Amino acid sequence: MIILGLDPGLGTTGWGVIVADGNRLSHIANGQIKTDSKMALASRLLKLDLELTDLLLEYKPDGAAVEEVFVNSNPQSTLKLGQARGVVLLGAARTGIEVGEYSARTVKKSVVGVGNAGKDQVQAMLKILLPGVKLAGADAADALAVAITHAHHRKR
């Protein structure tokens, strides 16, 4: 099963693609979709949608997983994150694949074993679970962790 993990953000959306074959996981690719903060909001959301569509067409995942929104102290940032997340959820769902949603705490617990793990711990575990992986950045690492979480939870 090919799984696309997504860590949505308006400025940077991380993505990661893995193959889950039983309990065996393999890394296919990871990266980041970046938008220019000087662009109009609608243009940034369109860029996110177009690049996500390209990823879906290229990797043809059987499932996708998205990290759930956490509440920022800045309501404006939370709204923009929610809009980017909506684009990501719609884009993945449009293909007809199963789309899972996981909290950051669930992702950390699935990958590291504890829900309050730090980003450095998550990245260290990714290198163990996906030998040879070269992370395109923190957002891509988070997306791979979301994909791994989906691989573990889809069996239930």
N, C-alpha and C. Protein backbone atom coordinates (compact mmCIF):
# COMPACT_ATOMS: atom_id res chain seq x y z
N MET A 1 0.85 -1.18 0.00
CA MET A 1 0.00 0.00 0.00
C MET A 1 0.89 1.24 0.00
N ILE A 2 0.66 2.13 -0.94
CA ILE A 2 1.38 3.41 -1.01
C ILE A 2 0.59 4.44 -0.22
N ILE A 3 1.28 5.11 0.70
CA ILE A 3 0.63 6.09 1.58
C ILE A 3 1.31 7.44 1.43
N LEU A 4 0.49 8.48 1.23
CA LEU A 4 0.96 9.86 1.18
C LEU A 4 0.64 10.53 2.50
N GLY A 5 1.66 10.98 3.21
CA GLY A 5 1.47 11.72 4.44
C GLY A 5 1.60 13.20 4.16
N LEU A 6 0.78 14.00 4.82
CA LEU A 6 0.76 15.45 4.59
C LEU A 6 0.75 16.22 5.91
N ASP A 7 1.62 17.20 5.99
CA ASP A 7 1.67 18.12 7.13
C ASP A 7 1.32 19.50 6.57
N PRO A 8 0.03 19.87 6.60
CA PRO A 8 -0.41 21.07 5.90
C PRO A 8 0.03 22.37 6.56
N GLY A 9 0.32 23.34 5.72
CA GLY A 9 0.64 24.69 6.15
C GLY A 9 0.51 25.61 4.95
N LEU A 10 0.18 26.85 5.18
CA LEU A 10 0.04 27.77 4.05
C LEU A 10 1.40 28.14 3.48
N GLY A 11 2.37 28.37 4.33
CA GLY A 11 3.72 28.71 3.87
C GLY A 11 4.47 27.49 3.36
N THR A 12 4.39 26.41 4.11
CA THR A 12 5.06 25.16 3.74
C THR A 12 4.18 23.98 4.11
N THR A 13 3.90 23.15 3.14
CA THR A 13 3.21 21.89 3.36
C THR A 13 4.21 20.77 3.12
N GLY A 14 4.45 19.97 4.15
CA GLY A 14 5.34 18.84 4.00
C GLY A 14 4.59 17.65 3.44
N TRP A 15 5.31 16.84 2.67
CA TRP A 15 4.70 15.61 2.13
C TRP A 15 5.73 14.48 2.18
N GLY A 16 5.22 13.27 2.33
CA GLY A 16 6.08 12.10 2.34
C GLY A 16 5.31 10.90 1.82
N VAL A 17 5.99 10.09 1.04
CA VAL A 17 5.37 8.91 0.44
C VAL A 17 6.13 7.67 0.91
N ILE A 18 5.38 6.70 1.43
CA ILE A 18 5.97 5.44 1.88
C ILE A 18 5.19 4.28 1.28
N VAL A 19 5.80 3.10 1.33
CA VAL A 19 5.11 1.86 1.00
C VAL A 19 5.02 1.05 2.28
N ALA A 20 3.82 0.58 2.59
CA ALA A 20 3.61 -0.30 3.73
C ALA A 20 3.25 -1.68 3.19
N ASP A 21 4.11 -2.65 3.49
CA ASP A 21 3.88 -4.03 3.07
C ASP A 21 3.87 -4.87 4.34
N GLY A 22 2.69 -5.07 4.89
CA GLY A 22 2.58 -5.69 6.21
C GLY A 22 3.17 -4.73 7.23
N ASN A 23 4.12 -5.22 8.02
CA ASN A 23 4.80 -4.36 8.99
C ASN A 23 6.04 -3.67 8.42
N ARG A 24 6.37 -4.00 7.18
CA ARG A 24 7.57 -3.45 6.55
C ARG A 24 7.25 -2.12 5.88
N LEU A 25 8.06 -1.10 6.20
CA LEU A 25 7.88 0.24 5.63
C LEU A 25 9.08 0.60 4.76
N SER A 26 8.82 1.25 3.64
CA SER A 26 9.88 1.71 2.76
C SER A 26 9.61 3.15 2.35
N HIS A 27 10.66 3.94 2.29
CA HIS A 27 10.56 5.33 1.87
C HIS A 27 10.58 5.41 0.35
N ILE A 28 9.68 6.21 -0.20
CA ILE A 28 9.69 6.47 -1.64
C ILE A 28 10.22 7.88 -1.91
N ALA A 29 9.60 8.88 -1.27
CA ALA A 29 10.01 10.27 -1.53
C ALA A 29 9.45 11.17 -0.44
N ASN A 30 10.03 12.36 -0.32
CA ASN A 30 9.49 13.38 0.59
C ASN A 30 9.91 14.74 0.09
N GLY A 31 9.18 15.76 0.50
CA GLY A 31 9.50 17.11 0.06
C GLY A 31 8.58 18.13 0.70
N GLN A 32 8.63 19.33 0.15
CA GLN A 32 7.85 20.42 0.70
C GLN A 32 7.25 21.23 -0.44
N ILE A 33 6.01 21.65 -0.24
CA ILE A 33 5.37 22.59 -1.16
C ILE A 33 5.41 23.94 -0.46
N LYS A 34 6.06 24.90 -1.08
CA LYS A 34 6.20 26.23 -0.48
C LYS A 34 5.42 27.26 -1.29
N THR A 35 4.80 28.20 -0.57
CA THR A 35 4.11 29.31 -1.24
C THR A 35 4.74 30.62 -0.77
N ASP A 36 4.67 31.60 -1.63
CA ASP A 36 5.24 32.91 -1.35
C ASP A 36 4.24 33.75 -0.55
N SER A 37 4.67 34.24 0.61
CA SER A 37 3.79 35.01 1.49
C SER A 37 3.35 36.33 0.85
N LYS A 38 4.02 36.75 -0.21
CA LYS A 38 3.63 38.00 -0.89
C LYS A 38 2.48 37.78 -1.87
N MET A 39 2.18 36.52 -2.17
CA MET A 39 1.09 36.21 -3.09
C MET A 39 -0.25 36.36 -2.37
N ALA A 40 -1.30 36.60 -3.13
CA ALA A 40 -2.66 36.65 -2.57
C ALA A 40 -3.02 35.27 -2.01
N LEU A 41 -3.86 35.26 -0.99
CA LEU A 41 -4.25 34.01 -0.34
C LEU A 41 -4.79 33.00 -1.35
N ALA A 42 -5.68 33.43 -2.22
CA ALA A 42 -6.29 32.52 -3.19
C ALA A 42 -5.22 31.91 -4.11
N SER A 43 -4.24 32.69 -4.49
CA SER A 43 -3.16 32.19 -5.34
C SER A 43 -2.30 31.18 -4.61
N ARG A 44 -2.08 31.40 -3.34
CA ARG A 44 -1.29 30.46 -2.55
C ARG A 44 -2.02 29.13 -2.39
N LEU A 45 -3.33 29.20 -2.15
CA LEU A 45 -4.12 27.98 -2.02
C LEU A 45 -4.18 27.23 -3.35
N LEU A 46 -4.27 27.95 -4.45
CA LEU A 46 -4.27 27.33 -5.78
C LEU A 46 -2.95 26.63 -6.04
N LYS A 47 -1.84 27.27 -5.71
CA LYS A 47 -0.51 26.66 -5.90
C LYS A 47 -0.41 25.37 -5.09
N LEU A 48 -0.89 25.40 -3.85
CA LEU A 48 -0.90 24.21 -3.01
C LEU A 48 -1.72 23.10 -3.66
N ASP A 49 -2.89 23.43 -4.16
CA ASP A 49 -3.76 22.45 -4.80
C ASP A 49 -3.10 21.86 -6.05
N LEU A 50 -2.53 22.70 -6.88
CA LEU A 50 -1.91 22.23 -8.13
C LEU A 50 -0.72 21.31 -7.86
N GLU A 51 0.12 21.69 -6.90
CA GLU A 51 1.29 20.86 -6.60
C GLU A 51 0.89 19.55 -5.92
N LEU A 52 -0.14 19.59 -5.08
CA LEU A 52 -0.64 18.37 -4.47
C LEU A 52 -1.22 17.44 -5.53
N THR A 53 -1.94 18.00 -6.49
CA THR A 53 -2.50 17.20 -7.59
C THR A 53 -1.38 16.51 -8.36
N ASP A 54 -0.29 17.22 -8.61
CA ASP A 54 0.86 16.62 -9.29
C ASP A 54 1.42 15.44 -8.50
N LEU A 55 1.52 15.60 -7.16
CA LEU A 55 2.02 14.51 -6.32
C LEU A 55 1.09 13.29 -6.38
N LEU A 56 -0.20 13.55 -6.31
CA LEU A 56 -1.18 12.46 -6.35
C LEU A 56 -1.12 11.72 -7.69
N LEU A 57 -0.92 12.45 -8.77
CA LEU A 57 -0.83 11.82 -10.09
C LEU A 57 0.48 11.05 -10.24
N GLU A 58 1.56 11.58 -9.69
CA GLU A 58 2.87 10.93 -9.83
C GLU A 58 2.97 9.65 -8.99
N TYR A 59 2.55 9.70 -7.73
CA TYR A 59 2.76 8.57 -6.83
C TYR A 59 1.56 7.63 -6.70
N LYS A 60 0.38 8.08 -7.13
CA LYS A 60 -0.84 7.27 -7.11
C LYS A 60 -1.01 6.51 -5.79
N PRO A 61 -1.11 7.25 -4.67
CA PRO A 61 -1.23 6.57 -3.38
C PRO A 61 -2.57 5.84 -3.22
N ASP A 62 -2.52 4.79 -2.41
CA ASP A 62 -3.72 4.03 -2.07
C ASP A 62 -4.44 4.66 -0.89
N GLY A 63 -3.74 5.48 -0.13
CA GLY A 63 -4.29 6.15 1.04
C GLY A 63 -3.48 7.40 1.34
N ALA A 64 -4.08 8.27 2.12
CA ALA A 64 -3.40 9.50 2.52
C ALA A 64 -3.71 9.76 3.98
N ALA A 65 -2.85 10.55 4.61
CA ALA A 65 -3.06 10.91 6.01
C ALA A 65 -2.63 12.35 6.20
N VAL A 66 -3.39 13.05 7.02
CA VAL A 66 -3.17 14.48 7.24
C VAL A 66 -3.10 14.74 8.74
N GLU A 67 -2.15 15.59 9.13
CA GLU A 67 -2.07 15.96 10.54
C GLU A 67 -3.20 16.93 10.86
N GLU A 68 -3.84 16.72 12.01
CA GLU A 68 -4.93 17.58 12.43
C GLU A 68 -4.41 18.96 12.85
N VAL A 69 -5.30 19.93 12.80
CA VAL A 69 -4.98 21.30 13.17
C VAL A 69 -4.81 21.42 14.67
N PHE A 70 -3.80 22.14 15.08
CA PHE A 70 -3.67 22.51 16.47
C PHE A 70 -4.00 24.00 16.54
N VAL A 71 -4.46 24.47 17.67
CA VAL A 71 -4.88 25.87 17.79
C VAL A 71 -3.68 26.74 18.15
N ASN A 72 -3.43 27.72 17.32
CA ASN A 72 -2.37 28.70 17.58
C ASN A 72 -2.90 29.78 18.50
N SER A 73 -2.00 30.55 19.09
CA SER A 73 -2.45 31.69 19.88
C SER A 73 -2.92 32.82 18.98
N ASN A 74 -2.50 32.79 17.71
CA ASN A 74 -2.90 33.80 16.74
C ASN A 74 -4.07 33.27 15.90
N PRO A 75 -5.27 33.83 16.08
CA PRO A 75 -6.44 33.32 15.33
C PRO A 75 -6.27 33.42 13.82
N GLN A 76 -5.58 34.45 13.34
CA GLN A 76 -5.37 34.62 11.90
C GLN A 76 -4.53 33.45 11.35
N SER A 77 -3.50 33.06 12.07
CA SER A 77 -2.67 31.93 11.65
C SER A 77 -3.46 30.63 11.65
N THR A 78 -4.31 30.46 12.65
CA THR A 78 -5.13 29.26 12.74
C THR A 78 -6.08 29.18 11.55
N LEU A 79 -6.68 30.31 11.17
CA LEU A 79 -7.58 30.32 10.01
C LEU A 79 -6.84 29.96 8.72
N LYS A 80 -5.68 30.53 8.52
CA LYS A 80 -4.90 30.24 7.31
C LYS A 80 -4.47 28.77 7.27
N LEU A 81 -4.08 28.24 8.42
CA LEU A 81 -3.72 26.83 8.49
C LEU A 81 -4.93 25.97 8.15
N GLY A 82 -6.09 26.35 8.67
CA GLY A 82 -7.31 25.61 8.38
C GLY A 82 -7.67 25.62 6.91
N GLN A 83 -7.43 26.75 6.25
CA GLN A 83 -7.71 26.84 4.81
C GLN A 83 -6.76 25.94 4.02
N ALA A 84 -5.48 25.94 4.39
CA ALA A 84 -4.51 25.08 3.71
C ALA A 84 -4.87 23.61 3.95
N ARG A 85 -5.27 23.30 5.17
CA ARG A 85 -5.65 21.94 5.50
C ARG A 85 -6.89 21.50 4.69
N GLY A 86 -7.82 22.42 4.51
CA GLY A 86 -8.99 22.12 3.69
C GLY A 86 -8.63 21.78 2.26
N VAL A 87 -7.69 22.54 1.69
CA VAL A 87 -7.22 22.27 0.33
C VAL A 87 -6.60 20.88 0.25
N VAL A 88 -5.78 20.54 1.24
CA VAL A 88 -5.10 19.25 1.27
C VAL A 88 -6.11 18.10 1.41
N LEU A 89 -7.06 18.24 2.34
CA LEU A 89 -8.07 17.20 2.52
C LEU A 89 -8.91 17.01 1.27
N LEU A 90 -9.34 18.10 0.67
CA LEU A 90 -10.15 18.03 -0.54
C LEU A 90 -9.36 17.40 -1.68
N GLY A 91 -8.12 17.82 -1.85
CA GLY A 91 -7.30 17.29 -2.93
C GLY A 91 -7.12 15.79 -2.84
N ALA A 92 -6.83 15.31 -1.63
CA ALA A 92 -6.65 13.87 -1.44
C ALA A 92 -7.97 13.13 -1.60
N ALA A 93 -9.04 13.65 -1.02
CA ALA A 93 -10.34 12.99 -1.09
C ALA A 93 -10.88 12.96 -2.52
N ARG A 94 -10.54 13.95 -3.31
CA ARG A 94 -11.02 14.04 -4.69
C ARG A 94 -10.62 12.80 -5.50
N THR A 95 -9.51 12.17 -5.14
CA THR A 95 -9.04 11.00 -5.88
C THR A 95 -9.78 9.72 -5.49
N GLY A 96 -10.56 9.80 -4.42
CA GLY A 96 -11.32 8.63 -3.98
C GLY A 96 -10.57 7.73 -3.00
N ILE A 97 -9.38 8.14 -2.59
CA ILE A 97 -8.62 7.31 -1.64
C ILE A 97 -9.06 7.58 -0.21
N GLU A 98 -8.75 6.63 0.66
CA GLU A 98 -9.01 6.78 2.08
C GLU A 98 -8.09 7.88 2.63
N VAL A 99 -8.65 8.79 3.43
CA VAL A 99 -7.86 9.87 4.03
C VAL A 99 -8.03 9.81 5.54
N GLY A 100 -6.94 9.55 6.24
CA GLY A 100 -6.96 9.52 7.69
C GLY A 100 -6.49 10.85 8.26
N GLU A 101 -6.93 11.14 9.47
CA GLU A 101 -6.53 12.37 10.16
C GLU A 101 -6.02 11.99 11.54
N TYR A 102 -4.87 12.55 11.92
CA TYR A 102 -4.24 12.18 13.18
C TYR A 102 -3.72 13.42 13.91
N SER A 103 -3.90 13.41 15.22
CA SER A 103 -3.37 14.50 16.03
C SER A 103 -1.86 14.39 16.12
N ALA A 104 -1.20 15.49 16.41
CA ALA A 104 0.26 15.49 16.56
C ALA A 104 0.67 14.52 17.66
N ARG A 105 -0.09 14.46 18.72
CA ARG A 105 0.22 13.56 19.84
C ARG A 105 0.15 12.09 19.41
N THR A 106 -0.86 11.74 18.61
CA THR A 106 -0.99 10.37 18.10
C THR A 106 0.18 10.02 17.18
N VAL A 107 0.57 10.97 16.34
CA VAL A 107 1.69 10.75 15.42
C VAL A 107 2.97 10.49 16.21
N LYS A 108 3.24 11.32 17.19
CA LYS A 108 4.46 11.15 18.00
C LYS A 108 4.45 9.82 18.74
N LYS A 109 3.30 9.46 19.27
CA LYS A 109 3.19 8.19 20.01
C LYS A 109 3.40 7.01 19.07
N SER A 110 2.88 7.10 17.85
CA SER A 110 3.01 6.01 16.88
C SER A 110 4.46 5.83 16.42
N VAL A 111 5.18 6.92 16.27
CA VAL A 111 6.54 6.85 15.72
C VAL A 111 7.59 6.67 16.81
N VAL A 112 7.45 7.39 17.91
CA VAL A 112 8.47 7.38 18.96
C VAL A 112 8.07 6.51 20.15
N GLY A 113 6.77 6.44 20.43
CA GLY A 113 6.31 5.67 21.58
C GLY A 113 5.76 6.53 22.70
N VAL A 114 5.99 7.85 22.61
CA VAL A 114 5.44 8.78 23.59
C VAL A 114 4.85 9.98 22.87
N GLY A 115 3.72 10.46 23.37
CA GLY A 115 3.00 11.55 22.73
C GLY A 115 3.60 12.92 22.89
N ASN A 116 4.58 13.06 23.79
CA ASN A 116 5.20 14.37 24.00
C ASN A 116 6.62 14.42 23.45
N ALA A 117 6.93 13.55 22.50
CA ALA A 117 8.28 13.50 21.91
C ALA A 117 8.58 14.80 21.17
N GLY A 118 9.85 15.15 21.12
CA GLY A 118 10.29 16.33 20.39
C GLY A 118 10.54 16.02 18.93
N LYS A 119 10.62 17.07 18.12
CA LYS A 119 10.87 16.89 16.68
C LYS A 119 12.15 16.13 16.41
N ASP A 120 13.19 16.37 17.23
CA ASP A 120 14.46 15.67 17.03
C ASP A 120 14.31 14.18 17.28
N GLN A 121 13.48 13.79 18.24
CA GLN A 121 13.23 12.37 18.51
C GLN A 121 12.47 11.73 17.36
N VAL A 122 11.49 12.45 16.82
CA VAL A 122 10.71 11.94 15.69
C VAL A 122 11.63 11.73 14.49
N GLN A 123 12.48 12.70 14.20
CA GLN A 123 13.39 12.60 13.06
C GLN A 123 14.39 11.46 13.25
N ALA A 124 14.86 11.26 14.47
CA ALA A 124 15.80 10.16 14.73
C ALA A 124 15.11 8.81 14.48
N MET A 125 13.86 8.67 14.90
CA MET A 125 13.13 7.42 14.68
C MET A 125 12.83 7.19 13.20
N LEU A 126 12.57 8.28 12.46
CA LEU A 126 12.33 8.14 11.03
C LEU A 126 13.53 7.50 10.34
N LYS A 127 14.73 7.89 10.78
CA LYS A 127 15.95 7.35 10.17
C LYS A 127 16.14 5.87 10.50
N ILE A 128 15.56 5.44 11.60
CA ILE A 128 15.60 4.01 11.96
C ILE A 128 14.52 3.24 11.20
N LEU A 129 13.32 3.80 11.16
CA LEU A 129 12.19 3.12 10.51
C LEU A 129 12.30 3.12 8.98
N LEU A 130 12.94 4.16 8.44
CA LEU A 130 13.09 4.30 6.98
C LEU A 130 14.58 4.46 6.67
N PRO A 131 15.35 3.38 6.73
CA PRO A 131 16.81 3.47 6.55
C PRO A 131 17.19 4.18 5.25
N GLY A 132 18.17 5.08 5.37
CA GLY A 132 18.67 5.81 4.20
C GLY A 132 17.86 7.03 3.82
N VAL A 133 16.79 7.33 4.57
CA VAL A 133 15.96 8.48 4.22
C VAL A 133 16.75 9.78 4.36
N LYS A 134 16.59 10.67 3.40
CA LYS A 134 17.14 12.02 3.46
C LYS A 134 15.95 12.96 3.55
N LEU A 135 15.84 13.62 4.68
CA LEU A 135 14.67 14.47 4.94
C LEU A 135 14.82 15.81 4.24
N ALA A 136 13.76 16.23 3.55
CA ALA A 136 13.75 17.50 2.82
C ALA A 136 13.51 18.68 3.75
N GLY A 137 13.27 18.43 5.01
CA GLY A 137 13.02 19.49 5.98
C GLY A 137 12.11 18.99 7.08
N ALA A 138 11.90 19.83 8.09
CA ALA A 138 11.09 19.45 9.25
C ALA A 138 9.64 19.12 8.85
N ASP A 139 9.08 19.87 7.93
CA ASP A 139 7.69 19.62 7.52
C ASP A 139 7.58 18.29 6.76
N ALA A 140 8.58 17.97 5.95
CA ALA A 140 8.59 16.69 5.25
C ALA A 140 8.74 15.54 6.24
N ALA A 141 9.56 15.74 7.27
CA ALA A 141 9.72 14.72 8.31
C ALA A 141 8.40 14.48 9.02
N ASP A 142 7.69 15.55 9.34
CA ASP A 142 6.38 15.42 10.00
C ASP A 142 5.41 14.66 9.09
N ALA A 143 5.46 14.93 7.80
CA ALA A 143 4.56 14.25 6.85
C ALA A 143 4.87 12.75 6.78
N LEU A 144 6.14 12.40 6.78
CA LEU A 144 6.50 10.97 6.79
C LEU A 144 6.01 10.30 8.07
N ALA A 145 6.11 11.01 9.19
CA ALA A 145 5.62 10.47 10.45
C ALA A 145 4.11 10.25 10.40
N VAL A 146 3.39 11.15 9.76
CA VAL A 146 1.93 11.01 9.60
C VAL A 146 1.63 9.79 8.72
N ALA A 147 2.41 9.60 7.66
CA ALA A 147 2.21 8.43 6.79
C ALA A 147 2.44 7.13 7.56
N ILE A 148 3.48 7.09 8.38
CA ILE A 148 3.77 5.91 9.19
C ILE A 148 2.63 5.65 10.17
N THR A 149 2.11 6.70 10.76
CA THR A 149 0.97 6.56 11.69
C THR A 149 -0.21 5.93 10.97
N HIS A 150 -0.48 6.38 9.76
CA HIS A 150 -1.59 5.82 8.99
C HIS A 150 -1.34 4.34 8.68
N ALA A 151 -0.11 4.00 8.37
CA ALA A 151 0.23 2.60 8.11
C ALA A 151 -0.07 1.74 9.32
N HIS A 152 0.23 2.25 10.51
CA HIS A 152 -0.01 1.49 11.74
C HIS A 152 -1.50 1.42 12.10
N HIS A 153 -2.22 2.51 11.88
CA HIS A 153 -3.63 2.57 12.31
C HIS A 153 -4.60 2.00 11.30
N ARG A 154 -4.23 1.92 10.05
CA ARG A 154 -5.17 1.42 9.02
C ARG A 154 -5.50 -0.05 9.24
N LYS A 155 -4.64 -0.76 9.95
CA LYS A 155 -4.86 -2.19 10.18
C LYS A 155 -5.97 -2.43 11.19
N ARG A 156 -6.27 -1.42 11.98
CA ARG A 156 -7.25 -1.61 13.06
C ARG A 156 -8.67 -1.42 12.58
